């Protein structure tokens, strides 16, 4: 096994861990009404963008809606739907398929 093979495996593992972290952020956002956007989420988004196809819209949307403060239950539902949509876009931009298993709580 060559060094580049080891790096490819490590990179794949990091991408899956980063996507898993965003799944957890999304799950937490479903129960929180106030924005929860720590520096660690910014780092995960930046890392995934760095290994993506270069389309930035989904990453910007995820960050924007994560920080959005809903006024009522309808706004909260809209926030969750937009976060979910943005996460789907992030999966596509890093060329991964979002499965039900990825969405299950850990």
PDB file of N, CA and C in Angstrom:
ATOM      1  N   UNK A   1       0.847  -1.178   0.000  1.00  0.00           N
ATOM      2  CA  UNK A   1       0.000   0.000   0.000  1.00  0.00           C
ATOM      3  C   UNK A   1       0.892   1.239   0.000  1.00  0.00           C
ATOM      4  N   UNK A   2       0.649   2.108  -0.911  1.00  0.00           N
ATOM      5  CA  UNK A   2       1.432   3.329  -1.034  1.00  0.00           C
ATOM      6  C   UNK A   2       0.869   4.423  -0.147  1.00  0.00           C
ATOM      7  N   UNK A   3       1.680   5.434   0.088  1.00  0.00           N
ATOM      8  CA  UNK A   3       1.274   6.559   0.928  1.00  0.00           C
ATOM      9  C   UNK A   3      -0.005   7.214   0.413  1.00  0.00           C
ATOM     10  N   UNK A   4      -0.132   7.369  -0.908  1.00  0.00           N
ATOM     11  CA  UNK A   4      -1.325   8.020  -1.466  1.00  0.00           C
ATOM     12  C   UNK A   4      -2.573   7.194  -1.206  1.00  0.00           C
ATOM     13  N   UNK A   5      -2.442   5.856  -1.160  1.00  0.00           N
ATOM     14  CA  UNK A   5      -3.581   5.004  -0.840  1.00  0.00           C
ATOM     15  C   UNK A   5      -4.034   5.215   0.602  1.00  0.00           C
ATOM     16  N   UNK A   6      -3.068   5.348   1.496  1.00  0.00           N
ATOM     17  CA  UNK A   6      -3.386   5.602   2.903  1.00  0.00           C
ATOM     18  C   UNK A   6      -4.089   6.946   3.038  1.00  0.00           C
ATOM     19  N   UNK A   7      -3.591   7.951   2.343  1.00  0.00           N
ATOM     20  CA  UNK A   7      -4.204   9.277   2.405  1.00  0.00           C
ATOM     21  C   UNK A   7      -5.619   9.257   1.846  1.00  0.00           C
ATOM     22  N   UNK A   8      -5.860   8.495   0.776  1.00  0.00           N
ATOM     23  CA  UNK A   8      -7.187   8.422   0.184  1.00  0.00           C
ATOM     24  C   UNK A   8      -8.162   7.796   1.177  1.00  0.00           C
ATOM     25  N   UNK A   9      -7.735   6.743   1.862  1.00  0.00           N
ATOM     26  CA  UNK A   9      -8.584   6.102   2.862  1.00  0.00           C
ATOM     27  C   UNK A   9      -8.853   7.062   4.010  1.00  0.00           C
ATOM     28  N   UNK A  10      -7.832   7.749   4.466  1.00  0.00           N
ATOM     29  CA  UNK A  10      -8.005   8.706   5.557  1.00  0.00           C
ATOM     30  C   UNK A  10      -8.935   9.842   5.138  1.00  0.00           C
ATOM     31  N   UNK A  11      -8.793  10.324   3.910  1.00  0.00           N
ATOM     32  CA  UNK A  11      -9.641  11.396   3.416  1.00  0.00           C
ATOM     33  C   UNK A  11     -11.098  10.946   3.354  1.00  0.00           C
ATOM     34  N   UNK A  12     -11.338   9.747   2.861  1.00  0.00           N
ATOM     35  CA  UNK A  12     -12.701   9.205   2.800  1.00  0.00           C
ATOM     36  C   UNK A  12     -13.304   9.117   4.201  1.00  0.00           C
ATOM     37  N   UNK A  13     -12.513   8.650   5.139  1.00  0.00           N
ATOM     38  CA  UNK A  13     -12.967   8.541   6.528  1.00  0.00           C
ATOM     39  C   UNK A  13     -13.304   9.921   7.097  1.00  0.00           C
ATOM     40  N   UNK A  14     -12.473  10.909   6.819  1.00  0.00           N
ATOM     41  CA  UNK A  14     -12.730  12.267   7.301  1.00  0.00           C
ATOM     42  C   UNK A  14     -13.997  12.854   6.688  1.00  0.00           C
ATOM     43  N   UNK A  15     -14.219  12.602   5.415  1.00  0.00           N
ATOM     44  CA  UNK A  15     -15.432  13.105   4.763  1.00  0.00           C
ATOM     45  C   UNK A  15     -16.665  12.498   5.424  1.00  0.00           C
ATOM     46  N   UNK A  16     -16.648  11.195   5.659  1.00  0.00           N
ATOM     47  CA  UNK A  16     -17.796  10.549   6.301  1.00  0.00           C
ATOM     48  C   UNK A  16     -18.010  11.062   7.719  1.00  0.00           C
ATOM     49  N   UNK A  17     -16.939  11.292   8.447  1.00  0.00           N
ATOM     50  CA  UNK A  17     -17.057  11.838   9.812  1.00  0.00           C
ATOM     51  C   UNK A  17     -17.624  13.261   9.779  1.00  0.00           C
ATOM     52  N   UNK A  18     -17.176  14.061   8.828  1.00  0.00           N
ATOM     53  CA  UNK A  18     -17.676  15.434   8.703  1.00  0.00           C
ATOM     54  C   UNK A  18     -19.149  15.444   8.341  1.00  0.00           C
ATOM     55  N   UNK A  19     -19.557  14.574   7.432  1.00  0.00           N
ATOM     56  CA  UNK A  19     -20.981  14.483   7.080  1.00  0.00           C
ATOM     57  C   UNK A  19     -21.803  14.009   8.273  1.00  0.00           C
ATOM     58  N   UNK A  20     -21.259  13.074   9.026  1.00  0.00           N
ATOM     59  CA  UNK A  20     -21.937  12.593  10.233  1.00  0.00           C
ATOM     60  C   UNK A  20     -22.101  13.720  11.253  1.00  0.00           C
ATOM     61  N   UNK A  21     -21.090  14.560  11.372  1.00  0.00           N
ATOM     62  CA  UNK A  21     -21.178  15.704  12.289  1.00  0.00           C
ATOM     63  C   UNK A  21     -22.298  16.650  11.865  1.00  0.00           C
ATOM     64  N   UNK A  22     -22.431  16.896  10.550  1.00  0.00           N
ATOM     65  CA  UNK A  22     -23.515  17.764  10.074  1.00  0.00           C
ATOM     66  C   UNK A  22     -24.873  17.111  10.286  1.00  0.00           C
ATOM     67  N   UNK A  23     -24.946  15.798  10.174  1.00  0.00           N
ATOM     68  CA  UNK A  23     -26.202  15.096  10.477  1.00  0.00           C
ATOM     69  C   UNK A  23     -26.597  15.336  11.937  1.00  0.00           C
ATOM     70  N   UNK A  24     -25.614  15.306  12.816  1.00  0.00           N
ATOM     71  CA  UNK A  24     -25.880  15.541  14.231  1.00  0.00           C
ATOM     72  C   UNK A  24     -26.311  16.989  14.469  1.00  0.00           C
ATOM     73  N   UNK A  25     -25.682  17.929  13.787  1.00  0.00           N
ATOM     74  CA  UNK A  25     -26.062  19.332  13.897  1.00  0.00           C
ATOM     75  C   UNK A  25     -27.509  19.511  13.438  1.00  0.00           C
ATOM     76  N   UNK A  26     -27.865  18.857  12.331  1.00  0.00           N
ATOM     77  CA  UNK A  26     -29.234  18.935  11.824  1.00  0.00           C
ATOM     78  C   UNK A  26     -30.218  18.336  12.820  1.00  0.00           C
ATOM     79  N   UNK A  27     -29.887  17.189  13.400  1.00  0.00           N
ATOM     80  CA  UNK A  27     -30.764  16.563  14.389  1.00  0.00           C
ATOM     81  C   UNK A  27     -30.963  17.475  15.601  1.00  0.00           C
ATOM     82  N   UNK A  28     -29.895  18.118  16.055  1.00  0.00           N
ATOM     83  CA  UNK A  28     -30.001  19.040  17.184  1.00  0.00           C
ATOM     84  C   UNK A  28     -30.810  20.276  16.821  1.00  0.00           C
ATOM     85  N   UNK A  29     -30.688  20.742  15.592  1.00  0.00           N
ATOM     86  CA  UNK A  29     -31.419  21.936  15.152  1.00  0.00           C
ATOM     87  C   UNK A  29     -32.917  21.689  15.131  1.00  0.00           C
ATOM     88  N   UNK A  30     -33.326  20.444  14.998  1.00  0.00           N
ATOM     89  CA  UNK A  30     -34.755  20.123  14.999  1.00  0.00           C
ATOM     90  C   UNK A  30     -35.368  20.341  16.375  1.00  0.00           C
ATOM     91  N   UNK A  31     -34.536  20.328  17.407  1.00  0.00           N
ATOM     92  CA  UNK A  31     -35.028  20.476  18.776  1.00  0.00           C
ATOM     93  C   UNK A  31     -34.703  21.827  19.388  1.00  0.00           C
ATOM     94  N   UNK A  32     -33.909  22.612  18.698  1.00  0.00           N
ATOM     95  CA  UNK A  32     -33.501  23.920  19.211  1.00  0.00           C
ATOM     96  C   UNK A  32     -34.154  25.021  18.395  1.00  0.00           C
ATOM     97  N   UNK A  33     -34.579  26.051  19.060  1.00  0.00           N
ATOM     98  CA  UNK A  33     -35.173  27.186  18.368  1.00  0.00           C
ATOM     99  C   UNK A  33     -34.158  28.289  18.096  1.00  0.00           C
ATOM    100  N   UNK A  34     -33.077  28.293  18.856  1.00  0.00           N
ATOM    101  CA  UNK A  34     -32.082  29.349  18.676  1.00  0.00           C
ATOM    102  C   UNK A  34     -30.904  28.818  17.865  1.00  0.00           C
ATOM    103  N   UNK A  35     -30.199  29.691  17.203  1.00  0.00           N
ATOM    104  CA  UNK A  35     -29.073  29.254  16.385  1.00  0.00           C
ATOM    105  C   UNK A  35     -27.957  28.645  17.220  1.00  0.00           C
ATOM    106  N   UNK A  36     -27.459  27.543  16.733  1.00  0.00           N
ATOM    107  CA  UNK A  36     -26.309  26.904  17.367  1.00  0.00           C
ATOM    108  C   UNK A  36     -25.270  26.698  16.275  1.00  0.00           C
ATOM    109  N   UNK A  37     -24.349  27.633  16.168  1.00  0.00           N
ATOM    110  CA  UNK A  37     -23.375  27.569  15.086  1.00  0.00           C
ATOM    111  C   UNK A  37     -21.966  27.788  15.620  1.00  0.00           C
ATOM    112  N   UNK A  38     -21.437  26.778  16.308  1.00  0.00           N
ATOM    113  CA  UNK A  38     -20.090  26.942  16.855  1.00  0.00           C
ATOM    114  C   UNK A  38     -19.020  26.901  15.764  1.00  0.00           C
ATOM    115  N   UNK A  39     -17.826  27.262  16.159  1.00  0.00           N
ATOM    116  CA  UNK A  39     -16.677  27.274  15.263  1.00  0.00           C
ATOM    117  C   UNK A  39     -16.444  25.897  14.639  1.00  0.00           C
ATOM    118  N   UNK A  40     -16.721  24.844  15.375  1.00  0.00           N
ATOM    119  CA  UNK A  40     -16.509  23.496  14.849  1.00  0.00           C
ATOM    120  C   UNK A  40     -17.375  23.233  13.621  1.00  0.00           C
ATOM    121  N   UNK A  41     -18.588  23.767  13.590  1.00  0.00           N
ATOM    122  CA  UNK A  41     -19.455  23.592  12.424  1.00  0.00           C
ATOM    123  C   UNK A  41     -18.864  24.348  11.236  1.00  0.00           C
ATOM    124  N   UNK A  42     -18.343  25.527  11.483  1.00  0.00           N
ATOM    125  CA  UNK A  42     -17.699  26.283  10.407  1.00  0.00           C
ATOM    126  C   UNK A  42     -16.516  25.515   9.841  1.00  0.00           C
ATOM    127  N   UNK A  43     -15.745  24.875  10.706  1.00  0.00           N
ATOM    128  CA  UNK A  43     -14.599  24.091  10.254  1.00  0.00           C
ATOM    129  C   UNK A  43     -15.049  22.906   9.392  1.00  0.00           C
ATOM    130  N   UNK A  44     -16.084  22.194   9.849  1.00  0.00           N
ATOM    131  CA  UNK A  44     -16.600  21.041   9.095  1.00  0.00           C
ATOM    132  C   UNK A  44     -17.087  21.488   7.723  1.00  0.00           C
ATOM    133  N   UNK A  45     -17.829  22.584   7.679  1.00  0.00           N
ATOM    134  CA  UNK A  45     -18.307  23.102   6.395  1.00  0.00           C
ATOM    135  C   UNK A  45     -17.135  23.500   5.488  1.00  0.00           C
ATOM    136  N   UNK A  46     -16.136  24.143   6.064  1.00  0.00           N
ATOM    137  CA  UNK A  46     -14.970  24.560   5.278  1.00  0.00           C
ATOM    138  C   UNK A  46     -14.216  23.348   4.735  1.00  0.00           C
ATOM    139  N   UNK A  47     -14.045  22.329   5.563  1.00  0.00           N
ATOM    140  CA  UNK A  47     -13.350  21.125   5.110  1.00  0.00           C
ATOM    141  C   UNK A  47     -14.110  20.460   3.965  1.00  0.00           C
ATOM    142  N   UNK A  48     -15.421  20.279   4.150  1.00  0.00           N
ATOM    143  CA  UNK A  48     -16.207  19.633   3.104  1.00  0.00           C
ATOM    144  C   UNK A  48     -16.208  20.461   1.822  1.00  0.00           C
ATOM    145  N   UNK A  49     -16.249  21.774   1.952  1.00  0.00           N
ATOM    146  CA  UNK A  49     -16.182  22.621   0.758  1.00  0.00           C
ATOM    147  C   UNK A  49     -14.839  22.437   0.047  1.00  0.00           C
ATOM    148  N   UNK A  50     -13.775  22.311   0.831  1.00  0.00           N
ATOM    149  CA  UNK A  50     -12.438  22.154   0.248  1.00  0.00           C
ATOM    150  C   UNK A  50     -12.317  20.868  -0.573  1.00  0.00           C
ATOM    151  N   UNK A  51     -13.083  19.839  -0.220  1.00  0.00           N
ATOM    152  CA  UNK A  51     -13.013  18.574  -0.960  1.00  0.00           C
ATOM    153  C   UNK A  51     -14.216  18.406  -1.896  1.00  0.00           C
ATOM    154  N   UNK A  52     -14.985  19.466  -2.067  1.00  0.00           N
ATOM    155  CA  UNK A  52     -16.201  19.397  -2.890  1.00  0.00           C
ATOM    156  C   UNK A  52     -15.920  19.707  -4.352  1.00  0.00           C
ATOM    157  N   UNK A  53     -17.006  19.756  -5.124  1.00  0.00           N
ATOM    158  CA  UNK A  53     -16.899  20.095  -6.547  1.00  0.00           C
ATOM    159  C   UNK A  53     -16.832  21.604  -6.779  1.00  0.00           C
ATOM    160  N   UNK A  54     -16.837  22.401  -5.723  1.00  0.00           N
ATOM    161  CA  UNK A  54     -16.690  23.845  -5.845  1.00  0.00           C
ATOM    162  C   UNK A  54     -17.985  24.637  -5.838  1.00  0.00           C
ATOM    163  N   UNK A  55     -19.122  23.929  -5.820  1.00  0.00           N
ATOM    164  CA  UNK A  55     -20.411  24.621  -5.723  1.00  0.00           C
ATOM    165  C   UNK A  55     -20.633  25.022  -4.266  1.00  0.00           C
ATOM    166  N   UNK A  56     -20.746  26.308  -4.024  1.00  0.00           N
ATOM    167  CA  UNK A  56     -20.775  26.817  -2.656  1.00  0.00           C
ATOM    168  C   UNK A  56     -22.172  27.033  -2.079  1.00  0.00           C
ATOM    169  N   UNK A  57     -23.200  27.056  -2.909  1.00  0.00           N
ATOM    170  CA  UNK A  57     -24.547  27.441  -2.479  1.00  0.00           C
ATOM    171  C   UNK A  57     -25.078  26.607  -1.311  1.00  0.00           C
ATOM    172  N   UNK A  58     -24.897  25.303  -1.356  1.00  0.00           N
ATOM    173  CA  UNK A  58     -25.436  24.442  -0.295  1.00  0.00           C
ATOM    174  C   UNK A  58     -24.749  24.726   1.044  1.00  0.00           C
ATOM    175  N   UNK A  59     -23.462  24.999   1.011  1.00  0.00           N
ATOM    176  CA  UNK A  59     -22.723  25.294   2.236  1.00  0.00           C
ATOM    177  C   UNK A  59     -23.186  26.617   2.847  1.00  0.00           C
ATOM    178  N   UNK A  60     -23.360  27.625   1.991  1.00  0.00           N
ATOM    179  CA  UNK A  60     -23.849  28.923   2.455  1.00  0.00           C
ATOM    180  C   UNK A  60     -25.256  28.809   3.022  1.00  0.00           C
ATOM    181  N   UNK A  61     -26.103  28.036   2.354  1.00  0.00           N
ATOM    182  CA  UNK A  61     -27.478  27.859   2.825  1.00  0.00           C
ATOM    183  C   UNK A  61     -27.504  27.160   4.180  1.00  0.00           C
ATOM    184  N   UNK A  62     -26.692  26.112   4.331  1.00  0.00           N
ATOM    185  CA  UNK A  62     -26.669  25.399   5.619  1.00  0.00           C
ATOM    186  C   UNK A  62     -26.280  26.357   6.730  1.00  0.00           C
ATOM    187  N   UNK A  63     -25.228  27.145   6.514  1.00  0.00           N
ATOM    188  CA  UNK A  63     -24.769  28.093   7.534  1.00  0.00           C
ATOM    189  C   UNK A  63     -25.833  29.157   7.823  1.00  0.00           C
ATOM    190  N   UNK A  64     -26.432  29.695   6.771  1.00  0.00           N
ATOM    191  CA  UNK A  64     -27.435  30.743   6.931  1.00  0.00           C
ATOM    192  C   UNK A  64     -28.633  30.238   7.730  1.00  0.00           C
ATOM    193  N   UNK A  65     -29.156  29.068   7.376  1.00  0.00           N
ATOM    194  CA  UNK A  65     -30.343  28.565   8.072  1.00  0.00           C
ATOM    195  C   UNK A  65     -30.013  28.005   9.444  1.00  0.00           C
ATOM    196  N   UNK A  66     -28.793  27.590   9.660  1.00  0.00           N
ATOM    197  CA  UNK A  66     -28.406  27.164  11.000  1.00  0.00           C
ATOM    198  C   UNK A  66     -28.453  28.350  11.960  1.00  0.00           C
ATOM    199  N   UNK A  67     -28.085  29.521  11.475  1.00  0.00           N
ATOM    200  CA  UNK A  67     -28.053  30.727  12.308  1.00  0.00           C
ATOM    201  C   UNK A  67     -29.387  31.468  12.334  1.00  0.00           C
ATOM    202  N   UNK A  68     -30.346  31.058  11.518  1.00  0.00           N
ATOM    203  CA  UNK A  68     -31.643  31.722  11.420  1.00  0.00           C
ATOM    204  C   UNK A  68     -32.456  31.491  12.694  1.00  0.00           C
ATOM    205  N   UNK A  69     -33.047  32.547  13.227  1.00  0.00           N
ATOM    206  CA  UNK A  69     -33.877  32.450  14.427  1.00  0.00           C
ATOM    207  C   UNK A  69     -35.346  32.465  14.000  1.00  0.00           C
ATOM    208  N   UNK A  70     -36.052  31.349  14.159  1.00  0.00           N
ATOM    209  CA  UNK A  70     -37.447  31.298  13.741  1.00  0.00           C
ATOM    210  C   UNK A  70     -38.350  32.102  14.679  1.00  0.00           C
ATOM    211  N   UNK A  71     -39.361  32.733  14.085  1.00  0.00           N
ATOM    212  CA  UNK A  71     -40.317  33.522  14.866  1.00  0.00           C
ATOM    213  C   UNK A  71     -41.434  32.671  15.456  1.00  0.00           C
ATOM    214  N   UNK A  72     -41.794  31.611  14.762  1.00  0.00           N
ATOM    215  CA  UNK A  72     -42.892  30.761  15.220  1.00  0.00           C
ATOM    216  C   UNK A  72     -42.662  29.341  14.724  1.00  0.00           C
ATOM    217  N   UNK A  73     -43.634  28.465  14.957  1.00  0.00           N
ATOM    218  CA  UNK A  73     -43.483  27.060  14.579  1.00  0.00           C
ATOM    219  C   UNK A  73     -43.375  26.876  13.065  1.00  0.00           C
ATOM    220  N   UNK A  74     -44.069  27.702  12.314  1.00  0.00           N
ATOM    221  CA  UNK A  74     -43.978  27.619  10.855  1.00  0.00           C
ATOM    222  C   UNK A  74     -42.575  27.984  10.388  1.00  0.00           C
ATOM    223  N   UNK A  75     -42.009  29.029  10.968  1.00  0.00           N
ATOM    224  CA  UNK A  75     -40.626  29.403  10.648  1.00  0.00           C
ATOM    225  C   UNK A  75     -39.643  28.301  11.046  1.00  0.00           C
ATOM    226  N   UNK A  76     -39.900  27.672  12.188  1.00  0.00           N
ATOM    227  CA  UNK A  76     -39.018  26.595  12.650  1.00  0.00           C
ATOM    228  C   UNK A  76     -39.065  25.416  11.676  1.00  0.00           C
ATOM    229  N   UNK A  77     -40.254  25.105  11.174  1.00  0.00           N
ATOM    230  CA  UNK A  77     -40.397  24.030  10.193  1.00  0.00           C
ATOM    231  C   UNK A  77     -39.652  24.390   8.906  1.00  0.00           C
ATOM    232  N   UNK A  78     -39.798  25.633   8.458  1.00  0.00           N
ATOM    233  CA  UNK A  78     -39.103  26.096   7.261  1.00  0.00           C
ATOM    234  C   UNK A  78     -37.588  25.993   7.454  1.00  0.00           C
ATOM    235  N   UNK A  79     -37.123  26.355   8.637  1.00  0.00           N
ATOM    236  CA  UNK A  79     -35.686  26.281   8.932  1.00  0.00           C
ATOM    237  C   UNK A  79     -35.188  24.845   8.816  1.00  0.00           C
ATOM    238  N   UNK A  80     -35.916  23.908   9.428  1.00  0.00           N
ATOM    239  CA  UNK A  80     -35.508  22.502   9.382  1.00  0.00           C
ATOM    240  C   UNK A  80     -35.504  21.963   7.946  1.00  0.00           C
ATOM    241  N   UNK A  81     -36.527  22.324   7.182  1.00  0.00           N
ATOM    242  CA  UNK A  81     -36.594  21.861   5.793  1.00  0.00           C
ATOM    243  C   UNK A  81     -35.450  22.420   4.954  1.00  0.00           C
ATOM    244  N   UNK A  82     -35.127  23.683   5.167  1.00  0.00           N
ATOM    245  CA  UNK A  82     -34.028  24.291   4.414  1.00  0.00           C
ATOM    246  C   UNK A  82     -32.668  23.724   4.826  1.00  0.00           C
ATOM    247  N   UNK A  83     -32.497  23.434   6.111  1.00  0.00           N
ATOM    248  CA  UNK A  83     -31.261  22.785   6.556  1.00  0.00           C
ATOM    249  C   UNK A  83     -31.129  21.402   5.923  1.00  0.00           C
ATOM    250  N   UNK A  84     -32.223  20.662   5.897  1.00  0.00           N
ATOM    251  CA  UNK A  84     -32.219  19.331   5.298  1.00  0.00           C
ATOM    252  C   UNK A  84     -31.885  19.407   3.811  1.00  0.00           C
ATOM    253  N   UNK A  85     -32.483  20.349   3.130  1.00  0.00           N
ATOM    254  CA  UNK A  85     -32.212  20.535   1.702  1.00  0.00           C
ATOM    255  C   UNK A  85     -30.748  20.908   1.456  1.00  0.00           C
ATOM    256  N   UNK A  86     -30.230  21.804   2.271  1.00  0.00           N
ATOM    257  CA  UNK A  86     -28.830  22.214   2.126  1.00  0.00           C
ATOM    258  C   UNK A  86     -27.891  21.037   2.381  1.00  0.00           C
ATOM    259  N   UNK A  87     -28.219  20.221   3.370  1.00  0.00           N
ATOM    260  CA  UNK A  87     -27.373  19.057   3.656  1.00  0.00           C
ATOM    261  C   UNK A  87     -27.395  18.068   2.491  1.00  0.00           C
ATOM    262  N   UNK A  88     -28.547  17.898   1.862  1.00  0.00           N
ATOM    263  CA  UNK A  88     -28.606  17.060   0.662  1.00  0.00           C
ATOM    264  C   UNK A  88     -27.665  17.597  -0.410  1.00  0.00           C
ATOM    265  N   UNK A  89     -27.648  18.910  -0.574  1.00  0.00           N
ATOM    266  CA  UNK A  89     -26.752  19.530  -1.549  1.00  0.00           C
ATOM    267  C   UNK A  89     -25.289  19.342  -1.200  1.00  0.00           C
ATOM    268  N   UNK A  90     -24.977  19.380   0.080  1.00  0.00           N
ATOM    269  CA  UNK A  90     -23.591  19.167   0.514  1.00  0.00           C
ATOM    270  C   UNK A  90     -23.152  17.741   0.184  1.00  0.00           C
ATOM    271  N   UNK A  91     -24.020  16.771   0.453  1.00  0.00           N
ATOM    272  CA  UNK A  91     -23.704  15.385   0.090  1.00  0.00           C
ATOM    273  C   UNK A  91     -23.401  15.277  -1.403  1.00  0.00           C
ATOM    274  N   UNK A  92     -24.238  15.891  -2.223  1.00  0.00           N
ATOM    275  CA  UNK A  92     -24.027  15.833  -3.666  1.00  0.00           C
ATOM    276  C   UNK A  92     -22.720  16.498  -4.069  1.00  0.00           C
ATOM    277  N   UNK A  93     -22.389  17.606  -3.423  1.00  0.00           N
ATOM    278  CA  UNK A  93     -21.180  18.332  -3.813  1.00  0.00           C
ATOM    279  C   UNK A  93     -19.898  17.586  -3.447  1.00  0.00           C
ATOM    280  N   UNK A  94     -19.969  16.680  -2.472  1.00  0.00           N
ATOM    281  CA  UNK A  94     -18.800  15.859  -2.137  1.00  0.00           C
ATOM    282  C   UNK A  94     -18.944  14.451  -2.726  1.00  0.00           C
ATOM    283  N   UNK A  95     -19.909  14.317  -3.648  1.00  0.00           N
ATOM    284  CA  UNK A  95     -20.107  13.080  -4.401  1.00  0.00           C
ATOM    285  C   UNK A  95     -20.404  11.880  -3.509  1.00  0.00           C
ATOM    286  N   UNK A  96     -21.290  12.084  -2.548  1.00  0.00           N
ATOM    287  CA  UNK A  96     -21.713  11.008  -1.645  1.00  0.00           C
ATOM    288  C   UNK A  96     -23.223  10.901  -1.695  1.00  0.00           C
ATOM    289  N   UNK A  97     -23.717   9.703  -1.437  1.00  0.00           N
ATOM    290  CA  UNK A  97     -25.140   9.450  -1.392  1.00  0.00           C
ATOM    291  C   UNK A  97     -25.604   9.512   0.061  1.00  0.00           C
ATOM    292  N   UNK A  98     -26.617  10.303   0.332  1.00  0.00           N
ATOM    293  CA  UNK A  98     -27.148  10.408   1.684  1.00  0.00           C
ATOM    294  C   UNK A  98     -28.152   9.284   1.892  1.00  0.00           C
ATOM    295  N   UNK A  99     -27.804   8.352   2.744  1.00  0.00           N
ATOM    296  CA  UNK A  99     -28.657   7.194   3.005  1.00  0.00           C
ATOM    297  C   UNK A  99     -29.428   7.378   4.306  1.00  0.00           C
ATOM    298  N   UNK A 100     -30.413   6.529   4.499  1.00  0.00           N
ATOM    299  CA  UNK A 100     -31.194   6.558   5.739  1.00  0.00           C
ATOM    300  C   UNK A 100     -30.286   6.252   6.923  1.00  0.00           C
ATOM    301  N   UNK A 101     -29.352   5.348   6.737  1.00  0.00           N
ATOM    302  CA  UNK A 101     -28.425   4.983   7.815  1.00  0.00           C
ATOM    303  C   UNK A 101     -27.627   6.186   8.301  1.00  0.00           C
ATOM    304  N   UNK A 102     -27.256   7.089   7.389  1.00  0.00           N
ATOM    305  CA  UNK A 102     -26.510   8.292   7.783  1.00  0.00           C
ATOM    306  C   UNK A 102     -27.374   9.222   8.636  1.00  0.00           C
ATOM    307  N   UNK A 103     -28.687   9.169   8.432  1.00  0.00           N
ATOM    308  CA  UNK A 103     -29.598  10.087   9.106  1.00  0.00           C
ATOM    309  C   UNK A 103     -30.052   9.588  10.467  1.00  0.00           C
ATOM    310  N   UNK A 104     -29.785   8.342  10.780  1.00  0.00           N
ATOM    311  CA  UNK A 104     -30.224   7.779  12.049  1.00  0.00           C
ATOM    312  C   UNK A 104     -29.390   8.337  13.193  1.00  0.00           C
ATOM    313  N   UNK A 105     -30.035   8.564  14.345  1.00  0.00           N
ATOM    314  CA  UNK A 105     -29.269   9.053  15.504  1.00  0.00           C
ATOM    315  C   UNK A 105     -28.236   8.038  15.932  1.00  0.00           C
ATOM    316  N   UNK A 106     -27.114   8.547  16.399  1.00  0.00           N
ATOM    317  CA  UNK A 106     -26.011   7.657  16.842  1.00  0.00           C
ATOM    318  C   UNK A 106     -25.888   7.690  18.320  1.00  0.00           C
TER     319      UNK A 106
END
